[in-house]
All heavy atoms as atom14 arrays in JSON, in Angstrom:
{
  "sequence": "MIKMYDCLQKHGIQLASNQVEYSLLRRSPETS",
  "atom14_mask": [
    [1, 1, 1, 1, 1, 1, 1, 1, 0, 0, 0, 0, 0, 0],
    [1, 1, 1, 1, 1, 1, 1, 1, 0, 0, 0, 0, 0, 0],
    [1, 1, 1, 1, 1, 1, 1, 1, 1, 0, 0, 0, 0, 0],
    [1, 1, 1, 1, 1, 1, 1, 1, 0, 0, 0, 0, 0, 0],
    [1, 1, 1, 1, 1, 1, 1, 1, 1, 1, 1, 1, 0, 0],
    [1, 1, 1, 1, 1, 1, 1, 1, 0, 0, 0, 0, 0, 0],
    [1, 1, 1, 1, 1, 1, 0, 0, 0, 0, 0, 0, 0, 0],
    [1, 1, 1, 1, 1, 1, 1, 1, 0, 0, 0, 0, 0, 0],
    [1, 1, 1, 1, 1, 1, 1, 1, 1, 0, 0, 0, 0, 0],
    [1, 1, 1, 1, 1, 1, 1, 1, 1, 0, 0, 0, 0, 0],
    [1, 1, 1, 1, 1, 1, 1, 1, 1, 1, 0, 0, 0, 0],
    [1, 1, 1, 1, 0, 0, 0, 0, 0, 0, 0, 0, 0, 0],
    [1, 1, 1, 1, 1, 1, 1, 1, 0, 0, 0, 0, 0, 0],
    [1, 1, 1, 1, 1, 1, 1, 1, 1, 0, 0, 0, 0, 0],
    [1, 1, 1, 1, 1, 1, 1, 1, 0, 0, 0, 0, 0, 0],
    [1, 1, 1, 1, 1, 0, 0, 0, 0, 0, 0, 0, 0, 0],
    [1, 1, 1, 1, 1, 1, 0, 0, 0, 0, 0, 0, 0, 0],
    [1, 1, 1, 1, 1, 1, 1, 1, 0, 0, 0, 0, 0, 0],
    [1, 1, 1, 1, 1, 1, 1, 1, 1, 0, 0, 0, 0, 0],
    [1, 1, 1, 1, 1, 1, 1, 0, 0, 0, 0, 0, 0, 0],
    [1, 1, 1, 1, 1, 1, 1, 1, 1, 0, 0, 0, 0, 0],
    [1, 1, 1, 1, 1, 1, 1, 1, 1, 1, 1, 1, 0, 0],
    [1, 1, 1, 1, 1, 1, 0, 0, 0, 0, 0, 0, 0, 0],
    [1, 1, 1, 1, 1, 1, 1, 1, 0, 0, 0, 0, 0, 0],
    [1, 1, 1, 1, 1, 1, 1, 1, 0, 0, 0, 0, 0, 0],
    [1, 1, 1, 1, 1, 1, 1, 1, 1, 1, 1, 0, 0, 0],
    [1, 1, 1, 1, 1, 1, 1, 1, 1, 1, 1, 0, 0, 0],
    [1, 1, 1, 1, 1, 1, 0, 0, 0, 0, 0, 0, 0, 0],
    [1, 1, 1, 1, 1, 1, 1, 0, 0, 0, 0, 0, 0, 0],
    [1, 1, 1, 1, 1, 1, 1, 1, 1, 0, 0, 0, 0, 0],
    [1, 1, 1, 1, 1, 1, 1, 0, 0, 0, 0, 0, 0, 0],
    [1, 1, 1, 1, 1, 1, 0, 0, 0, 0, 0, 0, 0, 0]
  ],
  "atom14_positions": [
    [[-49.32, -140.4, 128.93], [-50.18, -139.79, 129.95], [-49.83, -140.33, 131.33], [-49.71, -139.56, 132.3], [-51.66, -140.06, 129.61], [-52.67, -139.47, 130.58], [-53.07, -140.48, 132.05], [-53.62, -142.02, 131.33], [0.0, 0.0, 0.0], [0.0, 0.0, 0.0], [0.0, 0.0, 0.0], [0.0, 0.0, 0.0], [0.0, 0.0, 0.0], [0.0, 0.0, 0.0]],
    [[-49.64, -141.63, 131.45], [-49.3, -142.24, 132.74], [-47.95, -141.72, 133.23], [-47.81, -141.37, 134.41], [-49.31, -143.78, 132.64], [-50.76, -144.27, 132.45], [-48.69, -144.41, 133.89], [-50.87, -145.75, 132.1], [0.0, 0.0, 0.0], [0.0, 0.0, 0.0], [0.0, 0.0, 0.0], [0.0, 0.0, 0.0], [0.0, 0.0, 0.0], [0.0, 0.0, 0.0]],
    [[-46.97, -141.64, 132.35], [-45.65, -141.11, 132.73], [-45.77, -139.68, 133.24], [-45.18, -139.31, 134.26], [-44.69, -141.14, 131.54], [-44.0, -142.44, 131.3], [-43.12, -142.28, 130.07], [-41.93, -143.17, 130.12], [-41.14, -143.09, 128.88], [0.0, 0.0, 0.0], [0.0, 0.0, 0.0], [0.0, 0.0, 0.0], [0.0, 0.0, 0.0], [0.0, 0.0, 0.0]],
    [[-46.53, -138.85, 132.51], [-46.7, -137.45, 132.91], [-47.44, -137.38, 134.24], [-47.06, -136.63, 135.13], [-47.45, -136.67, 131.83], [-47.7, -135.22, 132.21], [-46.2, -134.25, 132.45], [-45.73, -134.0, 130.75], [0.0, 0.0, 0.0], [0.0, 0.0, 0.0], [0.0, 0.0, 0.0], [0.0, 0.0, 0.0], [0.0, 0.0, 0.0], [0.0, 0.0, 0.0]],
    [[-48.49, -138.17, 134.38], [-49.26, -138.21, 135.62], [-48.35, -138.56, 136.8], [-48.35, -137.87, 137.82], [-50.41, -139.22, 135.49], [-51.17, -139.41, 136.77], [-52.23, -138.58, 137.1], [-50.83, -140.43, 137.66], [-52.93, -138.76, 138.29], [-51.52, -140.61, 138.85], [-52.57, -139.77, 139.16], [-53.25, -139.94, 140.34], [0.0, 0.0, 0.0], [0.0, 0.0, 0.0]],
    [[-47.59, -139.65, 136.66], [-46.7, -140.1, 137.74], [-45.66, -139.03, 138.09], [-45.39, -138.78, 139.27], [-46.01, -141.41, 137.37], [-46.97, -142.6, 137.34], [-48.1, -142.48, 137.89], [-46.6, -143.63, 136.76], [0.0, 0.0, 0.0], [0.0, 0.0, 0.0], [0.0, 0.0, 0.0], [0.0, 0.0, 0.0], [0.0, 0.0, 0.0], [0.0, 0.0, 0.0]],
    [[-45.08, -138.42, 137.08], [-44.06, -137.38, 137.3], [-44.66, -136.19, 138.05], [-44.08, -135.69, 139.01], [-43.48, -136.95, 135.96], [-42.22, -135.67, 136.12], [0.0, 0.0, 0.0], [0.0, 0.0, 0.0], [0.0, 0.0, 0.0], [0.0, 0.0, 0.0], [0.0, 0.0, 0.0], [0.0, 0.0, 0.0], [0.0, 0.0, 0.0], [0.0, 0.0, 0.0]],
    [[-45.82, -135.74, 137.61], [-46.48, -134.6, 138.26], [-46.88, -134.93, 139.7], [-46.78, -134.08, 140.59], [-47.69, -134.15, 137.45], [-47.39, -133.48, 136.1], [-48.68, -133.33, 135.3], [-46.7, -132.15, 136.3], [0.0, 0.0, 0.0], [0.0, 0.0, 0.0], [0.0, 0.0, 0.0], [0.0, 0.0, 0.0], [0.0, 0.0, 0.0], [0.0, 0.0, 0.0]],
    [[-47.34, -136.16, 139.93], [-47.76, -136.56, 141.27], [-46.61, -136.45, 142.27], [-46.82, -136.1, 143.43], [-48.32, -137.99, 141.24], [-49.69, -138.11, 140.62], [-50.75, -137.43, 141.44], [-51.04, -137.82, 142.57], [-51.35, -136.39, 140.88], [0.0, 0.0, 0.0], [0.0, 0.0, 0.0], [0.0, 0.0, 0.0], [0.0, 0.0, 0.0], [0.0, 0.0, 0.0]],
    [[-45.39, -136.73, 141.81], [-44.21, -136.62, 142.69], [-44.02, -135.2, 143.2], [-43.38, -134.98, 144.22], [-42.96, -137.07, 141.94], [-42.91, -138.55, 141.66], [-41.69, -138.91, 140.83], [-41.76, -140.38, 140.42], [-40.69, -140.72, 139.48], [0.0, 0.0, 0.0], [0.0, 0.0, 0.0], [0.0, 0.0, 0.0], [0.0, 0.0, 0.0], [0.0, 0.0, 0.0]],
    [[-44.57, -134.25, 142.49], [-44.45, -132.82, 142.85], [-45.77, -132.25, 143.37], [-45.9, -131.04, 143.53], [-43.97, -132.01, 141.64], [-42.66, -132.48, 141.12], [-41.45, -132.16, 141.72], [-42.35, -133.26, 140.06], [-40.47, -132.72, 141.05], [-40.99, -133.4, 140.03], [0.0, 0.0, 0.0], [0.0, 0.0, 0.0], [0.0, 0.0, 0.0], [0.0, 0.0, 0.0]],
    [[-46.75, -133.14, 143.64], [-48.02, -132.7, 144.17], [-48.89, -131.94, 143.16], [-49.75, -131.15, 143.55], [0.0, 0.0, 0.0], [0.0, 0.0, 0.0], [0.0, 0.0, 0.0], [0.0, 0.0, 0.0], [0.0, 0.0, 0.0], [0.0, 0.0, 0.0], [0.0, 0.0, 0.0], [0.0, 0.0, 0.0], [0.0, 0.0, 0.0], [0.0, 0.0, 0.0]],
    [[-48.67, -132.2, 141.88], [-49.41, -131.51, 140.83], [-50.31, -132.52, 140.12], [-49.89, -133.62, 139.77], [-48.44, -130.86, 139.81], [-47.54, -129.85, 140.51], [-49.21, -130.2, 138.66], [-46.39, -129.36, 139.66], [0.0, 0.0, 0.0], [0.0, 0.0, 0.0], [0.0, 0.0, 0.0], [0.0, 0.0, 0.0], [0.0, 0.0, 0.0], [0.0, 0.0, 0.0]],
    [[-51.56, -132.13, 139.9], [-52.52, -133.0, 139.23], [-52.46, -132.81, 137.72], [-52.44, -131.68, 137.23], [-53.94, -132.69, 139.71], [-55.05, -133.44, 138.99], [-55.0, -134.96, 139.16], [-54.63, -135.46, 140.21], [-55.35, -135.68, 138.11], [0.0, 0.0, 0.0], [0.0, 0.0, 0.0], [0.0, 0.0, 0.0], [0.0, 0.0, 0.0], [0.0, 0.0, 0.0]],
    [[-52.42, -133.9, 136.99], [-52.63, -133.84, 135.55], [-54.14, -133.69, 135.36], [-54.91, -134.58, 135.71], [-52.11, -135.1, 134.85], [-52.32, -135.16, 133.33], [-51.63, -133.98, 132.64], [-51.82, -136.48, 132.76], [0.0, 0.0, 0.0], [0.0, 0.0, 0.0], [0.0, 0.0, 0.0], [0.0, 0.0, 0.0], [0.0, 0.0, 0.0], [0.0, 0.0, 0.0]],
    [[-54.56, -132.55, 134.87], [-55.98, -132.22, 134.82], [-56.69, -132.78, 133.6], [-57.83, -133.22, 133.7], [-56.17, -130.7, 134.87], [0.0, 0.0, 0.0], [0.0, 0.0, 0.0], [0.0, 0.0, 0.0], [0.0, 0.0, 0.0], [0.0, 0.0, 0.0], [0.0, 0.0, 0.0], [0.0, 0.0, 0.0], [0.0, 0.0, 0.0], [0.0, 0.0, 0.0]],
    [[-56.02, -132.74, 132.44], [-56.72, -133.14, 131.23], [-55.77, -133.64, 130.15], [-54.59, -133.32, 130.15], [-57.51, -131.95, 130.67], [-56.63, -130.91, 130.29], [0.0, 0.0, 0.0], [0.0, 0.0, 0.0], [0.0, 0.0, 0.0], [0.0, 0.0, 0.0], [0.0, 0.0, 0.0], [0.0, 0.0, 0.0], [0.0, 0.0, 0.0], [0.0, 0.0, 0.0]],
    [[-56.34, -134.45, 129.27], [-55.67, -134.88, 128.06], [-56.67, -134.66, 126.93], [-57.77, -135.19, 126.96], [-55.26, -136.35, 128.13], [-54.37, -136.77, 126.96], [-53.96, -135.96, 126.14], [-54.09, -138.07, 126.89], [0.0, 0.0, 0.0], [0.0, 0.0, 0.0], [0.0, 0.0, 0.0], [0.0, 0.0, 0.0], [0.0, 0.0, 0.0], [0.0, 0.0, 0.0]],
    [[-56.28, -133.86, 125.97], [-57.14, -133.54, 124.84], [-56.8, -134.49, 123.69], [-55.65, -134.56, 123.25], [-56.89, -132.09, 124.42], [-57.72, -131.64, 123.26], [-57.47, -130.18, 122.95], [-57.66, -129.34, 123.8], [-57.04, -129.9, 121.75], [0.0, 0.0, 0.0], [0.0, 0.0, 0.0], [0.0, 0.0, 0.0], [0.0, 0.0, 0.0], [0.0, 0.0, 0.0]],
    [[-57.79, -135.25, 123.23], [-57.59, -136.21, 122.14], [-58.74, -136.1, 121.16], [-59.84, -135.66, 121.51], [-57.51, -137.66, 122.68], [-56.31, -137.85, 123.59], [-58.79, -138.08, 123.38], [0.0, 0.0, 0.0], [0.0, 0.0, 0.0], [0.0, 0.0, 0.0], [0.0, 0.0, 0.0], [0.0, 0.0, 0.0], [0.0, 0.0, 0.0], [0.0, 0.0, 0.0]],
    [[-58.5, -136.53, 119.93], [-59.59, -136.57, 118.95], [-60.5, -137.74, 119.31], [-60.05, -138.88, 119.44], [-59.04, -136.75, 117.53], [-60.15, -136.69, 116.49], [-59.66, -136.92, 115.07], [-58.46, -137.14, 114.86], [-60.51, -136.9, 114.17], [0.0, 0.0, 0.0], [0.0, 0.0, 0.0], [0.0, 0.0, 0.0], [0.0, 0.0, 0.0], [0.0, 0.0, 0.0]],
    [[-61.79, -137.44, 119.48], [-62.74, -138.5, 119.84], [-64.12, -138.17, 119.28], [-64.62, -137.06, 119.46], [-62.83, -138.65, 121.37], [-63.77, -139.76, 121.78], [-63.42, -141.09, 121.56], [-65.0, -139.49, 122.33], [-64.28, -142.12, 121.9], [-65.87, -140.52, 122.69], [-65.51, -141.83, 122.47], [-66.36, -142.83, 122.79], [0.0, 0.0, 0.0], [0.0, 0.0, 0.0]],
    [[-64.68, -139.14, 118.59], [-66.03, -139.01, 118.03], [-66.52, -140.4, 117.66], [-65.79, -141.39, 117.81], [-66.0, -138.12, 116.78], [-65.39, -138.81, 115.69], [0.0, 0.0, 0.0], [0.0, 0.0, 0.0], [0.0, 0.0, 0.0], [0.0, 0.0, 0.0], [0.0, 0.0, 0.0], [0.0, 0.0, 0.0], [0.0, 0.0, 0.0], [0.0, 0.0, 0.0]],
    [[-67.73, -140.45, 117.13], [-68.24, -141.73, 116.63], [-67.4, -142.26, 115.47], [-67.43, -143.46, 115.19], [-69.7, -141.57, 116.16], [-70.75, -141.73, 117.23], [-72.07, -141.13, 116.8], [-70.91, -143.2, 117.59], [0.0, 0.0, 0.0], [0.0, 0.0, 0.0], [0.0, 0.0, 0.0], [0.0, 0.0, 0.0], [0.0, 0.0, 0.0], [0.0, 0.0, 0.0]],
    [[-66.63, -141.4, 114.83], [-65.76, -141.85, 113.74], [-64.34, -142.14, 114.21], [-63.55, -142.7, 113.46], [-65.7, -140.81, 112.61], [-66.99, -140.57, 111.86], [-66.76, -139.62, 110.69], [-67.6, -141.88, 111.37], [0.0, 0.0, 0.0], [0.0, 0.0, 0.0], [0.0, 0.0, 0.0], [0.0, 0.0, 0.0], [0.0, 0.0, 0.0], [0.0, 0.0, 0.0]],
    [[-64.0, -141.74, 115.42], [-62.66, -142.01, 115.97], [-62.81, -142.43, 117.42], [-62.68, -141.63, 118.33], [-61.76, -140.8, 115.86], [-60.38, -141.1, 116.41], [-59.32, -140.25, 115.76], [-58.01, -140.32, 116.33], [-57.26, -141.39, 116.55], [-57.73, -142.59, 116.3], [-56.07, -141.32, 117.05], [0.0, 0.0, 0.0], [0.0, 0.0, 0.0], [0.0, 0.0, 0.0]],
    [[-63.09, -143.72, 117.6], [-63.36, -144.25, 118.93], [-62.13, -144.9, 119.58], [-62.21, -145.4, 120.7], [-64.49, -145.27, 118.83], [-65.81, -144.62, 118.44], [-66.99, -145.57, 118.48], [-67.04, -146.28, 119.72], [-67.15, -147.61, 119.83], [-67.25, -148.36, 118.76], [-67.17, -148.18, 121.01], [0.0, 0.0, 0.0], [0.0, 0.0, 0.0], [0.0, 0.0, 0.0]],
    [[-60.99, -144.87, 118.91], [-59.82, -145.57, 119.45], [-59.42, -145.13, 120.86], [-58.95, -145.98, 121.63], [-58.64, -145.49, 118.48], [-58.27, -144.16, 118.24], [0.0, 0.0, 0.0], [0.0, 0.0, 0.0], [0.0, 0.0, 0.0], [0.0, 0.0, 0.0], [0.0, 0.0, 0.0], [0.0, 0.0, 0.0], [0.0, 0.0, 0.0], [0.0, 0.0, 0.0]],
    [[-59.58, -143.86, 121.26], [-59.26, -143.55, 122.65], [-60.11, -144.34, 123.66], [-59.66, -144.62, 124.77], [-59.52, -142.05, 122.76], [-59.31, -141.53, 121.37], [-59.86, -142.63, 120.5], [0.0, 0.0, 0.0], [0.0, 0.0, 0.0], [0.0, 0.0, 0.0], [0.0, 0.0, 0.0], [0.0, 0.0, 0.0], [0.0, 0.0, 0.0], [0.0, 0.0, 0.0]],
    [[-61.3, -144.7, 123.26], [-62.17, -145.51, 124.12], [-61.82, -146.99, 123.99], [-61.59, -147.67, 124.99], [-63.63, -145.3, 123.72], [-64.59, -146.22, 124.44], [-65.95, -146.26, 123.78], [-66.2, -145.54, 122.81], [-66.77, -147.05, 124.26], [0.0, 0.0, 0.0], [0.0, 0.0, 0.0], [0.0, 0.0, 0.0], [0.0, 0.0, 0.0], [0.0, 0.0, 0.0]],
    [[-61.76, -147.49, 122.76], [-61.58, -148.93, 122.56], [-60.2, -149.42, 122.99], [-60.04, -150.58, 123.31], [-61.85, -149.32, 121.09], [-60.97, -148.58, 120.23], [-63.3, -149.02, 120.71], [0.0, 0.0, 0.0], [0.0, 0.0, 0.0], [0.0, 0.0, 0.0], [0.0, 0.0, 0.0], [0.0, 0.0, 0.0], [0.0, 0.0, 0.0], [0.0, 0.0, 0.0]],
    [[-59.22, -148.51, 123.02], [-57.87, -148.88, 123.46], [-57.74, -148.89, 124.98], [-56.73, -149.34, 125.51], [-56.85, -147.89, 122.89], [-56.99, -146.62, 123.51], [0.0, 0.0, 0.0], [0.0, 0.0, 0.0], [0.0, 0.0, 0.0], [0.0, 0.0, 0.0], [0.0, 0.0, 0.0], [0.0, 0.0, 0.0], [0.0, 0.0, 0.0], [0.0, 0.0, 0.0]]
  ]
}
């Protein structure tokens, strides 16, 4: 995500979203 964000920023483009599995049973996107 950071690599994509940085690359897009060089061209004036915003990385708008990252879709990930997230729930009370899969909290790793938060805890990481």
